[in-house]
C-alpha atoms as a PDB file:
ATOM      1  CA  MET A   1      16.199  17.795  -3.420  1.00  0.00           C
ATOM      2  CA  LYS A   2      13.175  19.035  -5.373  1.00  0.00           C
ATOM      3  CA  LYS A   3       9.716  17.495  -5.931  1.00  0.00           C
ATOM      4  CA  SER A   4       9.980  18.136  -9.745  1.00  0.00           C
ATOM      5  CA  ASP A   5      13.071  15.974  -9.775  1.00  0.00           C
ATOM      6  CA  PHE A   6      10.657  13.101  -9.655  1.00  0.00           C
ATOM      7  CA  TYR A   7       8.508  13.768 -12.504  1.00  0.00           C
ATOM      8  CA  TYR A   8       7.866  11.897 -15.531  1.00  0.00           C
ATOM      9  CA  ASP A   9       5.206  12.174 -18.277  1.00  0.00           C
ATOM     10  CA  LEU A  10       2.578   9.550 -18.129  1.00  0.00           C
ATOM     11  CA  PRO A  11      -0.097   9.290 -20.796  1.00  0.00           C
ATOM     12  CA  GLU A  12      -3.569   8.517 -19.204  1.00  0.00           C
ATOM     13  CA  GLU A  13      -3.963   5.460 -21.190  1.00  0.00           C
ATOM     14  CA  ARG A  14      -1.008   3.786 -19.447  1.00  0.00           C
ATOM     15  CA  ILE A  15      -3.074   4.048 -15.961  1.00  0.00           C
ATOM     16  CA  ALA A  16      -4.363   0.410 -15.460  1.00  0.00           C
ATOM     17  CA  GLN A  17      -8.261   0.713 -14.796  1.00  0.00           C
ATOM     18  CA  THR A  18      -8.822  -2.822 -14.504  1.00  0.00           C
ATOM     19  CA  PRO A  19      -7.041  -5.912 -12.714  1.00  0.00           C
ATOM     20  CA  ILE A  20      -5.191  -8.423 -15.247  1.00  0.00           C
ATOM     21  CA  GLU A  21      -6.201 -12.069 -15.191  1.00  0.00           C
ATOM     22  CA  PRO A  22      -4.856 -14.322 -14.089  1.00  0.00           C
ATOM     23  CA  ARG A  23      -3.215 -12.219 -11.135  1.00  0.00           C
ATOM     24  CA  ASN A  24       0.394 -13.234 -12.098  1.00  0.00           C
ATOM     25  CA  ALA A  25      -0.052 -12.855 -15.801  1.00  0.00           C
ATOM     26  CA  SER A  26       1.219  -8.906 -14.815  1.00  0.00           C
ATOM     27  CA  ARG A  27       4.323  -7.686 -16.806  1.00  0.00           C
ATOM     28  CA  MET A  28       7.238  -7.460 -14.281  1.00  0.00           C
ATOM     29  CA  MET A  29      10.462  -5.059 -15.044  1.00  0.00           C
ATOM     30  CA  ALA A  30      13.408  -6.854 -13.262  1.00  0.00           C
ATOM     31  CA  VAL A  31      16.059  -4.404 -12.474  1.00  0.00           C
ATOM     32  CA  ASP A  32      19.501  -4.889 -11.362  1.00  0.00           C
ATOM     33  CA  ARG A  33      19.741  -2.652  -8.303  1.00  0.00           C
ATOM     34  CA  ASN A  34      23.401  -2.226  -8.711  1.00  0.00           C
ATOM     35  CA  THR A  35      23.860  -1.644 -12.490  1.00  0.00           C
ATOM     36  CA  GLY A  36      20.263  -0.460 -13.618  1.00  0.00           C
ATOM     37  CA  ALA A  37      19.958  -3.217 -16.337  1.00  0.00           C
ATOM     38  CA  ILE A  38      16.546  -4.368 -17.211  1.00  0.00           C
ATOM     39  CA  LEU A  39      15.031  -7.439 -18.220  1.00  0.00           C
ATOM     40  CA  HIS A  40      11.370  -7.619 -19.367  1.00  0.00           C
ATOM     41  CA  LYS A  41       9.650 -10.662 -17.532  1.00  0.00           C
ATOM     42  CA  HIS A  42       6.240 -11.605 -16.153  1.00  0.00           C
ATOM     43  CA  PHE A  43       5.417 -12.061 -12.574  1.00  0.00           C
ATOM     44  CA  TYR A  44       4.960 -15.601 -13.142  1.00  0.00           C
ATOM     45  CA  ASP A  45       8.748 -15.894 -13.739  1.00  0.00           C
ATOM     46  CA  LEU A  46       9.621 -14.345 -10.227  1.00  0.00           C
ATOM     47  CA  GLU A  47      10.995 -17.736  -8.867  1.00  0.00           C
ATOM     48  CA  ASP A  48      13.522 -17.467 -11.624  1.00  0.00           C
ATOM     49  CA  LEU A  49      14.902 -14.468 -10.114  1.00  0.00           C
ATOM     50  CA  LEU A  50      15.025 -15.743  -6.778  1.00  0.00           C
ATOM     51  CA  ARG A  51      17.237 -18.167  -4.918  1.00  0.00           C
ATOM     52  CA  PRO A  52      16.747 -20.943  -2.259  1.00  0.00           C
ATOM     53  CA  GLY A  53      17.242 -19.090   1.005  1.00  0.00           C
ATOM     54  CA  ASP A  54      15.658 -15.740   0.178  1.00  0.00           C
ATOM     55  CA  LEU A  55      12.747 -14.650   2.149  1.00  0.00           C
ATOM     56  CA  LEU A  56      10.049 -12.852   0.895  1.00  0.00           C
ATOM     57  CA  VAL A  57       8.370 -10.435   3.287  1.00  0.00           C
ATOM     58  CA  LEU A  58       4.397  -9.828   2.548  1.00  0.00           C
ATOM     59  CA  ASN A  59       1.911  -7.137   4.326  1.00  0.00           C
ATOM     60  CA  ASP A  60      -1.188  -9.153   5.249  1.00  0.00           C
ATOM     61  CA  SER A  61      -3.306  -6.167   5.977  1.00  0.00           C
ATOM     62  CA  ARG A  62      -6.706  -6.256   4.402  1.00  0.00           C
ATOM     63  CA  VAL A  63      -8.737  -3.378   3.043  1.00  0.00           C
ATOM     64  CA  LEU A  64     -11.687  -2.221   4.775  1.00  0.00           C
ATOM     65  CA  PRO A  65     -14.797  -1.574   2.428  1.00  0.00           C
ATOM     66  CA  ALA A  66     -14.319   2.082   3.814  1.00  0.00           C
ATOM     67  CA  ARG A  67     -16.438   4.116   1.300  1.00  0.00           C
ATOM     68  CA  LEU A  68     -20.113   4.680   2.425  1.00  0.00           C
ATOM     69  CA  TYR A  69     -23.064   6.269   0.734  1.00  0.00           C
ATOM     70  CA  GLY A  70     -25.831   7.438   2.850  1.00  0.00           C
ATOM     71  CA  GLU A  71     -28.053  10.380   3.502  1.00  0.00           C
ATOM     72  CA  LYS A  72     -28.617  13.133   6.128  1.00  0.00           C
ATOM     73  CA  VAL A  73     -31.043  12.613   8.638  1.00  0.00           C
ATOM     74  CA  GLY A  74     -33.755  14.966   7.984  1.00  0.00           C
ATOM     75  CA  THR A  75     -33.307  16.157   4.908  1.00  0.00           C
ATOM     76  CA  GLY A  76     -32.587  12.830   2.802  1.00  0.00           C
ATOM     77  CA  SER A  77     -29.800  14.806   0.852  1.00  0.00           C
ATOM     78  CA  PHE A  78     -26.795  12.444  -0.310  1.00  0.00           C
ATOM     79  CA  VAL A  79     -23.496  12.212   1.498  1.00  0.00           C
ATOM     80  CA  GLU A  80     -20.232  10.144   1.278  1.00  0.00           C
ATOM     81  CA  PHE A  81     -18.077   9.082   4.031  1.00  0.00           C
ATOM     82  CA  LEU A  82     -14.630   7.464   3.617  1.00  0.00           C
ATOM     83  CA  LEU A  83     -13.269   5.794   6.787  1.00  0.00           C
ATOM     84  CA  LEU A  84      -9.786   6.771   7.829  1.00  0.00           C
ATOM     85  CA  THR A  85      -8.698   5.917  11.263  1.00  0.00           C
ATOM     86  CA  GLN A  86     -10.436   4.233  14.236  1.00  0.00           C
ATOM     87  CA  HIS A  87     -10.281   6.344  17.524  1.00  0.00           C
ATOM     88  CA  GLY A  88     -12.379   4.122  19.753  1.00  0.00           C
ATOM     89  CA  ASP A  89     -15.471   1.909  19.710  1.00  0.00           C
ATOM     90  CA  LYS A  90     -17.139   2.747  16.488  1.00  0.00           C
ATOM     91  CA  LEU A  91     -15.432   6.314  16.654  1.00  0.00           C
ATOM     92  CA  TRP A  92     -13.754   7.018  13.256  1.00  0.00           C
ATOM     93  CA  GLU A  93     -11.994   9.589  11.561  1.00  0.00           C
ATOM     94  CA  ILE A  94     -13.633  10.098   8.317  1.00  0.00           C
ATOM     95  CA  ILE A  95     -13.356  12.465   5.111  1.00  0.00           C
ATOM     96  CA  CYS A  96     -16.945  13.376   3.930  1.00  0.00           C
ATOM     97  CA  ARG A  97     -18.628  14.982   0.844  1.00  0.00           C
ATOM     98  CA  PRO A  98     -20.017  17.513   0.466  1.00  0.00           C
ATOM     99  CA  GLY A  99     -18.246  18.773   4.007  1.00  0.00           C
ATOM    100  CA  LYS A 100     -20.806  21.523   4.278  1.00  0.00           C
ATOM    101  CA  LYS A 101     -23.382  18.832   5.346  1.00  0.00           C
ATOM    102  CA  CYS A 102     -20.928  17.434   8.077  1.00  0.00           C
ATOM    103  CA  LYS A 103     -21.123  19.979  10.952  1.00  0.00           C
ATOM    104  CA  PRO A 104     -20.937  18.965  14.711  1.00  0.00           C
ATOM    105  CA  GLY A 105     -24.228  17.265  15.653  1.00  0.00           C
ATOM    106  CA  ALA A 106     -25.415  16.285  12.163  1.00  0.00           C
ATOM    107  CA  LYS A 107     -26.516  12.568  11.759  1.00  0.00           C
ATOM    108  CA  PHE A 108     -26.491  10.359   8.848  1.00  0.00           C
ATOM    109  CA  SER A 109     -28.049   7.141   7.726  1.00  0.00           C
ATOM    110  CA  PHE A 110     -26.380   4.243   5.736  1.00  0.00           C
ATOM    111  CA  GLY A 111     -27.800   1.249   4.296  1.00  0.00           C
ATOM    112  CA  GLY A 112     -31.537   1.995   5.074  1.00  0.00           C
ATOM    113  CA  GLY A 113     -30.623   2.727   8.637  1.00  0.00           C
ATOM    114  CA  LYS A 114     -28.229  -0.323   9.354  1.00  0.00           C
ATOM    115  CA  LEU A 115     -25.560   2.121  10.427  1.00  0.00           C
ATOM    116  CA  THR A 116     -25.842   5.695  11.764  1.00  0.00           C
ATOM    117  CA  ALA A 117     -23.608   8.052  12.443  1.00  0.00           C
ATOM    118  CA  GLU A 118     -23.140  11.549  14.307  1.00  0.00           C
ATOM    119  CA  VAL A 119     -20.638  14.176  13.670  1.00  0.00           C
ATOM    120  CA  ILE A 120     -18.730  14.915  16.997  1.00  0.00           C
ATOM    121  CA  GLU A 121     -15.886  16.998  15.769  1.00  0.00           C
ATOM    122  CA  VAL A 122     -14.392  19.011  12.698  1.00  0.00           C
ATOM    123  CA  LEU A 123     -10.473  18.832  12.545  1.00  0.00           C
ATOM    124  CA  ASP A 124      -8.292  21.406  11.399  1.00  0.00           C
ATOM    125  CA  ASP A 125      -7.507  19.452   8.182  1.00  0.00           C
ATOM    126  CA  GLY A 126     -11.146  19.447   7.448  1.00  0.00           C
ATOM    127  CA  ASN A 127     -11.406  15.588   8.388  1.00  0.00           C
ATOM    128  CA  ARG A 128     -14.535  14.642  10.725  1.00  0.00           C
ATOM    129  CA  ILE A 129     -14.592  12.615  13.934  1.00  0.00           C
ATOM    130  CA  VAL A 130     -17.884  10.578  13.580  1.00  0.00           C
ATOM    131  CA  GLN A 131     -19.620   8.273  16.192  1.00  0.00           C
ATOM    132  CA  PHE A 132     -21.331   5.249  14.485  1.00  0.00           C
ATOM    133  CA  SER A 133     -24.272   3.218  15.865  1.00  0.00           C
ATOM    134  CA  CYS A 134     -25.648   0.093  14.857  1.00  0.00           C
ATOM    135  CA  ASP A 135     -27.003  -3.496  16.217  1.00  0.00           C
ATOM    136  CA  GLY A 136     -24.943  -6.130  15.844  1.00  0.00           C
ATOM    137  CA  SER A 137     -21.320  -5.953  14.410  1.00  0.00           C
ATOM    138  CA  PHE A 138     -19.871  -2.811  13.090  1.00  0.00           C
ATOM    139  CA  TYR A 139     -17.771  -4.711  10.704  1.00  0.00           C
ATOM    140  CA  ALA A 140     -20.218  -7.410   9.275  1.00  0.00           C
ATOM    141  CA  ILE A 141     -22.510  -4.381   8.409  1.00  0.00           C
ATOM    142  CA  LEU A 142     -19.650  -2.351   6.790  1.00  0.00           C
ATOM    143  CA  ASP A 143     -18.894  -5.429   4.823  1.00  0.00           C
ATOM    144  CA  GLU A 144     -22.409  -5.487   3.766  1.00  0.00           C
ATOM    145  CA  ILE A 145     -22.991  -2.050   2.408  1.00  0.00           C
ATOM    146  CA  GLY A 146     -19.441  -0.545   2.070  1.00  0.00           C
ATOM    147  CA  GLN A 147     -17.654  -0.158  -1.055  1.00  0.00           C
ATOM    148  CA  MET A 148     -13.846  -0.337  -1.750  1.00  0.00           C
ATOM    149  CA  PRO A 149     -11.970   2.877  -1.537  1.00  0.00           C
ATOM    150  CA  LEU A 150     -10.299   2.575  -4.949  1.00  0.00           C
ATOM    151  CA  PRO A 151      -7.868   5.263  -5.502  1.00  0.00           C
ATOM    152  CA  PRO A 152      -9.050   8.484  -7.480  1.00  0.00           C
ATOM    153  CA  TYR A 153      -7.553   7.635 -10.759  1.00  0.00           C
ATOM    154  CA  ILE A 154      -9.285   4.325 -11.392  1.00  0.00           C
ATOM    155  CA  THR A 155     -12.725   5.240 -12.449  1.00  0.00           C
ATOM    156  CA  GLU A 156     -13.990   1.910 -13.626  1.00  0.00           C
ATOM    157  CA  LYS A 157     -15.954   0.003 -11.343  1.00  0.00           C
ATOM    158  CA  LEU A 158     -14.928  -2.938  -9.631  1.00  0.00           C
ATOM    159  CA  LYS A 159     -16.756  -6.068 -10.418  1.00  0.00           C
ATOM    160  CA  ASP A 160     -15.059  -8.375  -7.829  1.00  0.00           C
ATOM    161  CA  ARG A 161     -13.919  -6.736  -4.427  1.00  0.00           C
ATOM    162  CA  GLU A 162     -11.618  -9.425  -3.868  1.00  0.00           C
ATOM    163  CA  ARG A 163      -9.487  -8.250  -6.648  1.00  0.00           C
ATOM    164  CA  TYR A 164      -8.563  -5.094  -4.512  1.00  0.00           C
ATOM    165  CA  GLN A 165      -7.210  -7.453  -1.813  1.00  0.00           C
ATOM    166  CA  THR A 166      -4.139  -9.965  -1.748  1.00  0.00           C
ATOM    167  CA  VAL A 167      -4.746 -13.581  -1.862  1.00  0.00           C
ATOM    168  CA  TYR A 168      -3.116 -13.639   1.764  1.00  0.00           C
ATOM    169  CA  SER A 169      -4.981 -10.548   3.164  1.00  0.00           C
ATOM    170  CA  ARG A 170      -6.237 -11.444   6.842  1.00  0.00           C
ATOM    171  CA  GLU A 171      -5.692  -8.215   9.314  1.00  0.00           C
ATOM    172  CA  LEU A 172      -8.563  -5.848   8.498  1.00  0.00           C
ATOM    173  CA  GLY A 173      -7.588  -2.306   8.806  1.00  0.00           C
ATOM    174  CA  SER A 174      -6.403  -0.757   5.517  1.00  0.00           C
ATOM    175  CA  ALA A 175      -7.838   2.100   3.451  1.00  0.00           C
ATOM    176  CA  ALA A 176      -5.785   1.117   0.249  1.00  0.00           C
ATOM    177  CA  ALA A 177      -4.604  -2.135  -0.822  1.00  0.00           C
ATOM    178  CA  PRO A 178      -0.541  -2.983  -0.604  1.00  0.00           C
ATOM    179  CA  THR A 179      -0.725  -3.312  -4.335  1.00  0.00           C
ATOM    180  CA  ALA A 180       2.638  -5.206  -5.052  1.00  0.00           C
ATOM    181  CA  GLY A 181       0.872  -8.126  -3.214  1.00  0.00           C
ATOM    182  CA  LEU A 182      -1.791  -8.277  -5.635  1.00  0.00           C
ATOM    183  CA  HIS A 183       0.104 -10.113  -8.567  1.00  0.00           C
ATOM    184  CA  PHE A 184       0.645 -13.440  -6.239  1.00  0.00           C
ATOM    185  CA  THR A 185      -1.712 -16.375  -6.366  1.00  0.00           C
ATOM    186  CA  LYS A 186      -1.994 -19.120  -3.614  1.00  0.00           C
ATOM    187  CA  ASP A 187      -0.472 -21.494  -6.039  1.00  0.00           C
ATOM    188  CA  MET A 188       2.507 -19.184  -6.639  1.00  0.00           C
ATOM    189  CA  LEU A 189       3.194 -18.947  -2.938  1.00  0.00           C
ATOM    190  CA  THR A 190       3.016 -22.827  -2.603  1.00  0.00           C
ATOM    191  CA  SER A 191       5.555 -23.330  -5.433  1.00  0.00           C
ATOM    192  CA  LEU A 192       7.873 -20.603  -4.135  1.00  0.00           C
ATOM    193  CA  GLY A 193       7.926 -22.226  -0.589  1.00  0.00           C
ATOM    194  CA  GLN A 194       8.597 -25.748  -2.282  1.00  0.00           C
ATOM    195  CA  LYS A 195      11.842 -24.187  -4.054  1.00  0.00           C
ATOM    196  CA  GLY A 196      13.018 -23.228  -0.600  1.00  0.00           C
ATOM    197  CA  ILE A 197      11.989 -19.392  -0.903  1.00  0.00           C
ATOM    198  CA  GLY A 198      10.623 -18.436   2.396  1.00  0.00           C
ATOM    199  CA  ILE A 199       7.613 -16.481   2.992  1.00  0.00           C
ATOM    200  CA  ALA A 200       6.836 -14.254   6.202  1.00  0.00           C
ATOM    201  CA  TYR A 201       4.649 -11.542   6.991  1.00  0.00           C
ATOM    202  CA  VAL A 202       4.099  -8.146   8.812  1.00  0.00           C
ATOM    203  CA  THR A 203       1.200  -5.819   8.736  1.00  0.00           C
ATOM    204  CA  LEU A 204       1.022  -2.206   7.947  1.00  0.00           C
ATOM    205  CA  HIS A 205      -2.442  -0.750   7.503  1.00  0.00           C
ATOM    206  CA  VAL A 206      -2.248   1.516   4.657  1.00  0.00           C
ATOM    207  CA  GLY A 207      -3.881   5.006   5.049  1.00  0.00           C
ATOM    208  CA  LEU A 208      -5.042   7.363   2.276  1.00  0.00           C
ATOM    209  CA  GLY A 209      -2.048   9.554   2.893  1.00  0.00           C
ATOM    210  CA  THR A 210      -0.332   7.271   0.564  1.00  0.00           C
ATOM    211  CA  PHE A 211      -2.277   8.883  -2.245  1.00  0.00           C
ATOM    212  CA  ARG A 212      -1.629  12.788  -0.895  1.00  0.00           C
ATOM    213  CA  PRO A 213       0.499  14.703  -3.298  1.00  0.00           C
ATOM    214  CA  VAL A 214       3.622  16.246  -1.948  1.00  0.00           C
ATOM    215  CA  LYS A 215       3.017  19.796  -2.040  1.00  0.00           C
ATOM    216  CA  GLU A 216       6.265  21.286  -1.005  1.00  0.00           C
ATOM    217  CA  GLU A 217       8.791  21.749  -3.824  1.00  0.00           C
ATOM    218  CA  ASP A 218      11.536  21.300  -1.072  1.00  0.00           C
ATOM    219  CA  VAL A 219      11.116  17.490  -0.477  1.00  0.00           C
ATOM    220  CA  LEU A 220      12.699  17.753   2.897  1.00  0.00           C
ATOM    221  CA  ARG A 221       9.582  20.065   4.044  1.00  0.00           C
ATOM    222  CA  HIS A 222       7.177  17.331   3.294  1.00  0.00           C
ATOM    223  CA  HIS A 223       5.372  15.932   6.329  1.00  0.00           C
ATOM    224  CA  MET A 224       4.682  12.054   6.151  1.00  0.00           C
ATOM    225  CA  HIS A 225       1.349  10.526   7.154  1.00  0.00           C
ATOM    226  CA  SER A 226       1.484   8.056  10.212  1.00  0.00           C
ATOM    227  CA  GLU A 227       0.341   4.412   9.768  1.00  0.00           C
ATOM    228  CA  HIS A 228       0.092   1.519  12.133  1.00  0.00           C
ATOM    229  CA  PHE A 229       2.422  -1.540  11.988  1.00  0.00           C
ATOM    230  CA  LEU A 230       3.295  -4.812  13.506  1.00  0.00           C
ATOM    231  CA  LEU A 231       6.323  -6.926  13.170  1.00  0.00           C
ATOM    232  CA  PRO A 232       5.517 -10.310  14.594  1.00  0.00           C
ATOM    233  CA  GLN A 233       8.506 -12.164  16.673  1.00  0.00           C
ATOM    234  CA  GLU A 234       8.074 -15.012  14.163  1.00  0.00           C
ATOM    235  CA  THR A 235       9.003 -12.892  11.253  1.00  0.00           C
ATOM    236  CA  ALA A 236      11.958 -11.021  13.041  1.00  0.00           C
ATOM    237  CA  ASP A 237      13.418 -14.446  13.824  1.00  0.00           C
ATOM    238  CA  ARG A 238      13.130 -15.647  10.203  1.00  0.00           C
ATOM    239  CA  ILE A 239      14.682 -12.336   8.596  1.00  0.00           C
ATOM    240  CA  ASN A 240      17.363 -12.597  11.377  1.00  0.00           C
ATOM    241  CA  GLN A 241      18.007 -16.253  10.449  1.00  0.00           C
ATOM    242  CA  THR A 242      17.974 -15.532   6.909  1.00  0.00           C
ATOM    243  CA  LYS A 243      20.619 -12.521   6.929  1.00  0.00           C
ATOM    244  CA  ALA A 244      22.709 -14.826   9.110  1.00  0.00           C
ATOM    245  CA  SER A 245      22.772 -17.671   6.731  1.00  0.00           C
ATOM    246  CA  GLY A 246      23.467 -15.278   3.498  1.00  0.00           C
ATOM    247  CA  GLY A 247      19.936 -15.226   2.105  1.00  0.00           C
ATOM    248  CA  ARG A 248      18.264 -12.078   0.912  1.00  0.00           C
ATOM    249  CA  ILE A 249      15.271 -10.023   2.326  1.00  0.00           C
ATOM    250  CA  ILE A 250      13.020  -9.118  -0.503  1.00  0.00           C
ATOM    251  CA  SER A 251      10.220  -6.750   0.557  1.00  0.00           C
ATOM    252  CA  VAL A 252       7.015  -7.005  -1.363  1.00  0.00           C
ATOM    253  CA  GLY A 253       5.672  -3.576  -1.551  1.00  0.00           C
ATOM    254  CA  THR A 254       6.622  -0.248  -0.136  1.00  0.00           C
ATOM    255  CA  THR A 255       4.396  -0.941   2.981  1.00  0.00           C
ATOM    256  CA  SER A 256       6.597  -3.940   4.024  1.00  0.00           C
ATOM    257  CA  CYS A 257       9.676  -2.006   3.539  1.00  0.00           C
ATOM    258  CA  ARG A 258       8.667   0.802   5.627  1.00  0.00           C
ATOM    259  CA  THR A 259       7.739  -1.805   8.372  1.00  0.00           C
ATOM    260  CA  LEU A 260      11.038  -3.216   8.180  1.00  0.00           C
ATOM    261  CA  GLU A 261      12.905  -0.224   8.159  1.00  0.00           C
ATOM    262  CA  SER A 262      11.116   1.305  11.049  1.00  0.00           C
ATOM    263  CA  ALA A 263      11.470  -1.689  13.019  1.00  0.00           C
ATOM    264  CA  ALA A 264      15.229  -1.412  12.394  1.00  0.00           C
ATOM    265  CA  GLN A 265      15.015   2.105  13.488  1.00  0.00           C
ATOM    266  CA  ARG A 266      13.765   1.130  16.734  1.00  0.00           C
ATOM    267  CA  CYS A 267      15.375  -2.276  17.396  1.00  0.00           C
ATOM    268  CA  GLY A 268      19.018  -2.005  15.747  1.00  0.00           C
ATOM    269  CA  SER A 269      20.617  -4.745  13.520  1.00  0.00           C
ATOM    270  CA  VAL A 270      18.847  -7.600  14.977  1.00  0.00           C
ATOM    271  CA  LEU A 271      15.249  -7.288  14.976  1.00  0.00           C
ATOM    272  CA  THR A 272      12.478  -8.470  17.617  1.00  0.00           C
ATOM    273  CA  ALA A 273       8.911  -7.873  17.840  1.00  0.00           C
ATOM    274  CA  CYS A 274       7.667  -4.304  17.582  1.00  0.00           C
ATOM    275  CA  GLU A 275       4.383  -2.638  17.203  1.00  0.00           C
ATOM    276  CA  GLY A 276       3.407   1.158  16.692  1.00  0.00           C
ATOM    277  CA  ASP A 277       2.980   4.111  14.460  1.00  0.00           C
ATOM    278  CA  THR A 278       5.469   5.117  11.877  1.00  0.00           C
ATOM    279  CA  ASP A 279       5.950   8.259   9.659  1.00  0.00           C
ATOM    280  CA  ILE A 280       9.188   7.197   8.049  1.00  0.00           C
ATOM    281  CA  PHE A 281       9.902   9.213   5.004  1.00  0.00           C
ATOM    282  CA  ILE A 282      12.468   7.148   2.745  1.00  0.00           C
ATOM    283  CA  TYR A 283      14.148   9.361  -0.010  1.00  0.00           C
ATOM    284  CA  PRO A 284      17.421   9.227  -1.895  1.00  0.00           C
ATOM    285  CA  GLY A 285      20.540   9.218   0.765  1.00  0.00           C
ATOM    286  CA  TYR A 286      18.689   6.872   2.953  1.00  0.00           C
ATOM    287  CA  GLN A 287      20.614   3.842   4.245  1.00  0.00           C
ATOM    288  CA  PHE A 288      18.610   0.811   4.174  1.00  0.00           C
ATOM    289  CA  LYS A 289      19.137  -1.737   6.919  1.00  0.00           C
ATOM    290  CA  VAL A 290      17.038  -4.582   6.401  1.00  0.00           C
ATOM    291  CA  ILE A 291      15.754  -5.189   2.752  1.00  0.00           C
ATOM    292  CA  ASP A 292      18.191  -6.377  -0.160  1.00  0.00           C
ATOM    293  CA  GLY A 293      15.318  -6.518  -2.657  1.00  0.00           C
ATOM    294  CA  LEU A 294      11.978  -4.543  -3.329  1.00  0.00           C
ATOM    295  CA  ILE A 295       9.094  -5.811  -5.526  1.00  0.00           C
ATOM    296  CA  THR A 296       6.779  -2.893  -6.051  1.00  0.00           C
ATOM    297  CA  ASN A 297       4.314  -1.411  -8.627  1.00  0.00           C
ATOM    298  CA  PHE A 298       4.828   1.639 -10.836  1.00  0.00           C
ATOM    299  CA  HIS A 299       4.204   4.837  -8.535  1.00  0.00           C
ATOM    300  CA  LEU A 300       2.755   8.153  -9.248  1.00  0.00           C
ATOM    301  CA  PRO A 301       5.036  11.022 -10.556  1.00  0.00           C
ATOM    302  CA  GLU A 302       6.449  13.188  -7.714  1.00  0.00           C
ATOM    303  CA  SER A 303       5.240  11.045  -5.244  1.00  0.00           C
ATOM    304  CA  THR A 304       6.641   9.737  -1.821  1.00  0.00           C
ATOM    305  CA  LEU A 305       6.827   6.092  -3.287  1.00  0.00           C
ATOM    306  CA  ILE A 306       8.813   6.722  -6.138  1.00  0.00           C
ATOM    307  CA  MET A 307      11.315   8.656  -4.142  1.00  0.00           C
ATOM    308  CA  LEU A 308      11.759   5.429  -1.964  1.00  0.00           C
ATOM    309  CA  VAL A 309      12.367   3.222  -5.318  1.00  0.00           C
ATOM    310  CA  ALA A 310      14.877   6.151  -6.058  1.00  0.00           C
ATOM    311  CA  ALA A 311      16.294   5.789  -2.516  1.00  0.00           C
ATOM    312  CA  PHE A 312      16.718   1.843  -3.134  1.00  0.00           C
ATOM    313  CA  MET A 313      17.980   1.613  -6.787  1.00  0.00           C
ATOM    314  CA  GLY A 314      19.536   5.119  -7.360  1.00  0.00           C
ATOM    315  CA  TYR A 315      17.942   8.182  -8.506  1.00  0.00           C
ATOM    316  CA  TRP A 316      19.251   7.852 -12.413  1.00  0.00           C
ATOM    317  CA  ASN A 317      18.313   4.203 -12.772  1.00  0.00           C
ATOM    318  CA  THR A 318      14.719   4.908 -11.094  1.00  0.00           C
ATOM    319  CA  MET A 319      14.022   7.570 -13.673  1.00  0.00           C
ATOM    320  CA  TYR A 320      15.541   5.874 -16.759  1.00  0.00           C
ATOM    321  CA  ALA A 321      13.459   2.607 -15.911  1.00  0.00           C
ATOM    322  CA  TYR A 322      10.170   4.605 -15.484  1.00  0.00           C
ATOM    323  CA  ARG A 323      10.905   6.154 -18.693  1.00  0.00           C
ATOM    324  CA  GLU A 324      11.240   2.735 -20.472  1.00  0.00           C
ATOM    325  CA  ALA A 325       8.371   1.667 -18.831  1.00  0.00           C
ATOM    326  CA  VAL A 326       6.347   4.138 -20.328  1.00  0.00           C
ATOM    327  CA  ARG A 327       7.812   3.633 -23.728  1.00  0.00           C
ATOM    328  CA  ASP A 328       7.334  -0.198 -23.585  1.00  0.00           C
ATOM    329  CA  ARG A 329       3.753   0.454 -22.638  1.00  0.00           C
ATOM    330  CA  TYR A 330       3.769  -0.968 -19.367  1.00  0.00           C
ATOM    331  CA  ARG A 331       0.575  -0.817 -16.896  1.00  0.00           C
ATOM    332  CA  PHE A 332       0.833   1.809 -14.291  1.00  0.00           C
ATOM    333  CA  PHE A 333      -0.329   2.306 -10.696  1.00  0.00           C
ATOM    334  CA  SER A 334      -2.529   0.109  -8.363  1.00  0.00           C
ATOM    335  CA  PHE A 335      -3.918  -2.382 -10.914  1.00  0.00           C
ATOM    336  CA  GLY A 336      -0.787  -2.110 -13.178  1.00  0.00           C
ATOM    337  CA  ASP A 337       2.697  -4.150 -13.590  1.00  0.00           C
ATOM    338  CA  CYS A 338       5.416  -3.969 -11.402  1.00  0.00           C
ATOM    339  CA  MET A 339       9.122  -4.038 -10.875  1.00  0.00           C
ATOM    340  CA  CYS A 340      11.398  -6.518  -9.187  1.00  0.00           C
ATOM    341  CA  ILE A 341      14.634  -4.592  -7.922  1.00  0.00           C
ATOM    342  CA  LEU A 342      17.367  -7.186  -7.024  1.00  0.00           C
ATOM    343  CA  PRO A 343      21.035  -7.004  -6.404  1.00  0.00           C
ATOM    344  CA  GLY A 344      23.279  -8.895  -9.048  1.00  0.00           C
ATOM    345  CA  LEU A 345      20.605  -9.771 -11.251  1.00  0.00           C
ATOM    346  CA  GLN A 346      21.279 -12.564 -13.753  1.00  0.00           C
END
């Protein structure tokens, strides 16, 4: 299996730079998982595709305002930090630019001195371990002075930071949004529940590795990044009950999918609460153990995310759907439109 097998040609103007309003006005390509048949819908039509007894599983992770702009103490020269992973009390792994300024022992100031940092270690991949210091709550100061870590393909400034958060986000810890959930409104979630469609939550803190390109032409040589996930017992119980009663488990996003399939690898066919780190790599040939449906945005060419989609609904169906989305002028990536992949779509 080659990386180039998952390439498709995408004009730059199809990359969405701003979110659409209202959230659920995004277009939605509904695809039959079995046949590849396509219906062109909008996200507010979702409840027409679902059945009472179905269960939507959403990732409730909340994005950190993880991009910091500051200066090097002593020189005043500009520096940018991007927080990746917390390793201890105010101890973080980061990406910094320019890297030549971030040597062990170097100190930096952010927000006029509200937050300071010292580089402790330079890792083999060029990332740094830094120790932050501040008076008061680290997260409160980060919320005050930090910026949203938008993906590199989004070049326009985000006017409202909450538009890069889902309306149900609550567990702070992601470096990027679980973007399939950006289409939901609170009213829509209420309406779905009133129609007998279940809502359950998992947590997977999205790492920036989700944007790292696959460098190996041989897909099987690619090393996946690791992300922390949590499956609560309440959600495990609801999934088990839904399956037992003949309902469908529909993952909202690839992050929820990776959480559920990782949990199944640990627990087997009957899920129980679990927590840990996962580097699960889902590509064509993978046998799904939990999910029956998938709601997901359109992903970058040759990415691990398009490979996951191809594993779920078939390689040829996936590549055809993507070419159709380009031809029909769908909006792509984080602020773009979405797909709803279900078996036996009517």
